[in-house]
C-alpha atoms as a PDB file:
ATOM      1  CA  MET A   1     -51.360  -8.088 114.157  1.00  0.00           C
ATOM      2  CA  SER A   2     -50.403  -6.868 110.650  1.00  0.00           C
ATOM      3  CA  ASP A   3     -49.610 -11.052 110.396  1.00  0.00           C
ATOM      4  CA  VAL A   4     -52.895 -11.966 110.908  1.00  0.00           C
ATOM      5  CA  LEU A   5     -54.182  -9.598 108.807  1.00  0.00           C
ATOM      6  CA  VAL A   6     -52.333 -10.565 106.293  1.00  0.00           C
ATOM      7  CA  GLN A   7     -53.093 -14.308 106.380  1.00  0.00           C
ATOM      8  CA  SER A   8     -56.561 -13.333 106.441  1.00  0.00           C
ATOM      9  CA  LEU A   9     -56.586 -11.594 103.351  1.00  0.00           C
ATOM     10  CA  GLN A  10     -54.291 -14.448 101.839  1.00  0.00           C
ATOM     11  CA  ILE A  11     -57.027 -16.975 103.207  1.00  0.00           C
ATOM     12  CA  THR A  12     -59.873 -15.438 101.270  1.00  0.00           C
ATOM     13  CA  ALA A  13     -58.080 -14.195  98.665  1.00  0.00           C
ATOM     14  CA  LEU A  14     -57.651 -18.050  97.960  1.00  0.00           C
ATOM     15  CA  GLY A  15     -60.793 -18.607  98.732  1.00  0.00           C
ATOM     16  CA  MET A  16     -61.829 -16.565  96.075  1.00  0.00           C
ATOM     17  CA  GLY A  17     -59.566 -17.369  93.746  1.00  0.00           C
ATOM     18  CA  LEU A  18     -60.915 -21.373  94.196  1.00  0.00           C
ATOM     19  CA  VAL A  19     -64.625 -20.467  93.722  1.00  0.00           C
ATOM     20  CA  PHE A  20     -63.777 -18.129  90.631  1.00  0.00           C
ATOM     21  CA  GLY A  21     -61.638 -20.949  89.296  1.00  0.00           C
ATOM     22  CA  ALA A  22     -64.583 -23.439  90.013  1.00  0.00           C
ATOM     23  CA  ILE A  23     -66.846 -21.398  88.450  1.00  0.00           C
ATOM     24  CA  ILE A  24     -64.504 -20.935  85.165  1.00  0.00           C
ATOM     25  CA  VAL A  25     -63.740 -24.719  84.548  1.00  0.00           C
ATOM     26  CA  LEU A  26     -67.302 -25.402  84.878  1.00  0.00           C
ATOM     27  CA  TRP A  27     -67.948 -23.149  82.048  1.00  0.00           C
ATOM     28  CA  LEU A  28     -64.820 -24.398  79.329  1.00  0.00           C
ATOM     29  CA  MET A  29     -66.473 -27.816  80.493  1.00  0.00           C
ATOM     30  CA  MET A  30     -70.356 -26.479  79.881  1.00  0.00           C
ATOM     31  CA  ILE A  31     -68.646 -24.989  76.513  1.00  0.00           C
ATOM     32  CA  PHE A  32     -66.873 -28.012  75.129  1.00  0.00           C
ATOM     33  CA  LEU A  33     -69.702 -30.414  75.908  1.00  0.00           C
ATOM     34  CA  THR A  34     -72.746 -28.226  73.705  1.00  0.00           C
ATOM     35  CA  ALA A  35     -69.888 -27.940  70.940  1.00  0.00           C
ATOM     36  CA  ILE A  36     -69.964 -32.072  71.201  1.00  0.00           C
ATOM     37  CA  SER A  37     -73.248 -32.532  71.487  1.00  0.00           C
ATOM     38  CA  ALA A  38     -74.436 -29.853  69.389  1.00  0.00           C
ATOM     39  CA  ASP A  39     -76.469 -31.687  65.781  1.00  0.00           C
ATOM     40  CA  LYS A  40     -74.307 -31.492  63.177  1.00  0.00           C
ATOM     41  CA  LYS A  41     -75.933 -30.309  59.973  1.00  0.00           C
ATOM     42  CA  GLU A  42     -77.373 -32.960  58.356  1.00  0.00           C
ATOM     43  CA  ARG A  43     -77.207 -34.218  54.372  1.00  0.00           C
ATOM     44  CA  THR A  44     -80.637 -32.753  52.556  1.00  0.00           C
ATOM     45  CA  SER A  45     -82.620 -35.662  52.044  1.00  0.00           C
ATOM     46  CA  THR A  46     -83.613 -36.875  48.110  1.00  0.00           C
ATOM     47  CA  LEU A  47     -87.511 -37.441  49.536  1.00  0.00           C
ATOM     48  CA  PRO A  48     -89.921 -34.674  48.297  1.00  0.00           C
ATOM     49  CA  GLU A  49     -91.014 -32.365  50.805  1.00  0.00           C
ATOM     50  CA  PRO A  50     -94.760 -32.568  52.181  1.00  0.00           C
ATOM     51  CA  ALA A  51     -97.384 -31.260  50.492  1.00  0.00           C
ATOM     52  CA  PRO A  52     -98.681 -27.823  52.259  1.00  0.00           C
ATOM     53  CA  ALA A  53    -102.868 -28.586  52.383  1.00  0.00           C
ATOM     54  CA  MET A  54    -101.698 -31.539  53.646  1.00  0.00           C
ATOM     55  CA  GLU A  55     -99.856 -29.711  56.461  1.00  0.00           C
ATOM     56  CA  ILE A  56    -103.134 -27.477  56.922  1.00  0.00           C
ATOM     57  CA  ASP A  57    -105.200 -29.832  57.786  1.00  0.00           C
ATOM     58  CA  PHE A  58    -103.244 -31.228  60.403  1.00  0.00           C
ATOM     59  CA  LYS A  59    -103.336 -28.248  61.587  1.00  0.00           C
ATOM     60  CA  ALA A  60    -106.787 -27.262  61.707  1.00  0.00           C
ATOM     61  CA  GLN A  61    -107.084 -31.049  62.890  1.00  0.00           C
ATOM     62  CA  ALA A  62    -104.927 -30.764  65.981  1.00  0.00           C
ATOM     63  CA  ALA A  63    -106.653 -26.934  66.950  1.00  0.00           C
ATOM     64  CA  ALA A  64    -110.043 -29.035  66.798  1.00  0.00           C
ATOM     65  CA  ILE A  65    -109.343 -32.127  69.234  1.00  0.00           C
ATOM     66  CA  ALA A  66    -107.479 -29.155  71.771  1.00  0.00           C
ATOM     67  CA  VAL A  67    -110.612 -26.873  71.578  1.00  0.00           C
ATOM     68  CA  ALA A  68    -112.765 -29.736  72.068  1.00  0.00           C
ATOM     69  CA  MET A  69    -110.107 -31.225  74.796  1.00  0.00           C
ATOM     70  CA  ALA A  70    -111.256 -27.404  76.526  1.00  0.00           C
ATOM     71  CA  LEU A  71    -114.617 -27.507  76.532  1.00  0.00           C
ATOM     72  CA  ALA A  72    -114.611 -30.774  78.263  1.00  0.00           C
ATOM     73  CA  ASP A  73    -112.195 -29.762  80.968  1.00  0.00           C
ATOM     74  CA  GLN A  74    -113.842 -26.450  81.605  1.00  0.00           C
ATOM     75  CA  GLU A  75    -117.289 -28.673  81.883  1.00  0.00           C
ATOM     76  CA  ALA A  76    -115.588 -31.029  83.856  1.00  0.00           C
ATOM     77  CA  CYS A  77    -114.146 -28.980  86.113  1.00  0.00           C
ATOM     78  CA  GLU A  78    -116.647 -27.561  89.110  1.00  0.00           C
ATOM     79  CA  ALA A  79    -114.929 -24.458  89.936  1.00  0.00           C
ATOM     80  CA  HIS A  80    -117.020 -22.234  92.306  1.00  0.00           C
ATOM     81  CA  ALA A  81    -115.952 -18.794  94.424  1.00  0.00           C
ATOM     82  CA  LEU A  82    -113.533 -19.242  97.359  1.00  0.00           C
ATOM     83  CA  PRO A  83    -115.742 -17.535 100.667  1.00  0.00           C
ATOM     84  CA  THR A  84    -114.637 -14.460 102.375  1.00  0.00           C
ATOM     85  CA  PRO A  85    -112.783 -15.404 105.120  1.00  0.00           C
ATOM     86  CA  PRO A  86    -114.335 -13.729 108.331  1.00  0.00           C
ATOM     87  CA  THR A  87    -112.890 -10.426 109.559  1.00  0.00           C
ATOM     88  CA  ALA A  88    -111.425 -12.001 112.340  1.00  0.00           C
ATOM     89  CA  ILE A  89    -108.771 -13.614 111.089  1.00  0.00           C
ATOM     90  CA  VAL A  90    -105.601 -11.297 111.406  1.00  0.00           C
ATOM     91  CA  SER A  91    -101.955 -11.492 110.243  1.00  0.00           C
ATOM     92  CA  ALA A  92     -99.459 -11.471 112.688  1.00  0.00           C
ATOM     93  CA  TRP A  93     -97.989  -8.425 110.797  1.00  0.00           C
ATOM     94  CA  GLN A  94    -101.144  -6.950 112.011  1.00  0.00           C
ATOM     95  CA  LEU A  95    -101.469  -7.564 115.051  1.00  0.00           C
ATOM     96  CA  GLY A  96     -98.050  -6.441 115.964  1.00  0.00           C
ATOM     97  CA  MET A  97     -98.355  -2.869 114.716  1.00  0.00           C
ATOM     98  CA  ARG A  98    -102.014  -2.435 115.951  1.00  0.00           C
ATOM     99  CA  THR A  99     -99.796  -3.532 119.333  1.00  0.00           C
ATOM    100  CA  ARG A 100     -97.310  -0.592 118.814  1.00  0.00           C
ATOM    101  CA  LEU A 101     -99.754   2.036 118.079  1.00  0.00           C
ATOM    102  CA  LEU A 102    -101.872   0.892 120.507  1.00  0.00           C
ATOM    103  CA  ALA A 103     -98.221   1.048 123.429  1.00  0.00           C
ATOM    104  CA  GLN A 104     -97.833   4.215 121.781  1.00  0.00           C
ATOM    105  CA  LYS A 105    -100.809   5.884 122.814  1.00  0.00           C
ATOM    106  CA  GLY A 106    -101.042   4.665 125.980  1.00  0.00           C
ATOM    107  CA  ASN A 107    -103.663   2.549 126.377  1.00  0.00           C
ATOM    108  CA  PHE A 108    -101.071  -0.524 126.490  1.00  0.00           C
ATOM    109  CA  ARG A 109    -101.838  -2.767 129.422  1.00  0.00           C
ATOM    110  CA  ARG A 110     -99.259  -4.784 130.011  1.00  0.00           C
ATOM    111  CA  ARG A 111     -98.872  -8.362 132.462  1.00  0.00           C
END
């Protein structure tokens, strides 16, 4: 009987070792691939930076366009309130709980 237990523990240890070994190999591969594909620092270019006023104008234009699109989308949307469901709809959980309570009180008839 102890041989069976020892063999089952060995199989379990081998399986867990393979799983954790595979996880570690994948983790090391991810580190290696991110190290290879990482963007290297680019050399500084000699081009002058754009004026800050131009960036503010582009940001203001982008904000105005976003607001206009949001307003147009809101007007086009035909949202309406959902009607409340009738009270006759009972979930399966509620039905099971009510049936159990009725059975406990003795008012339950079995067919």
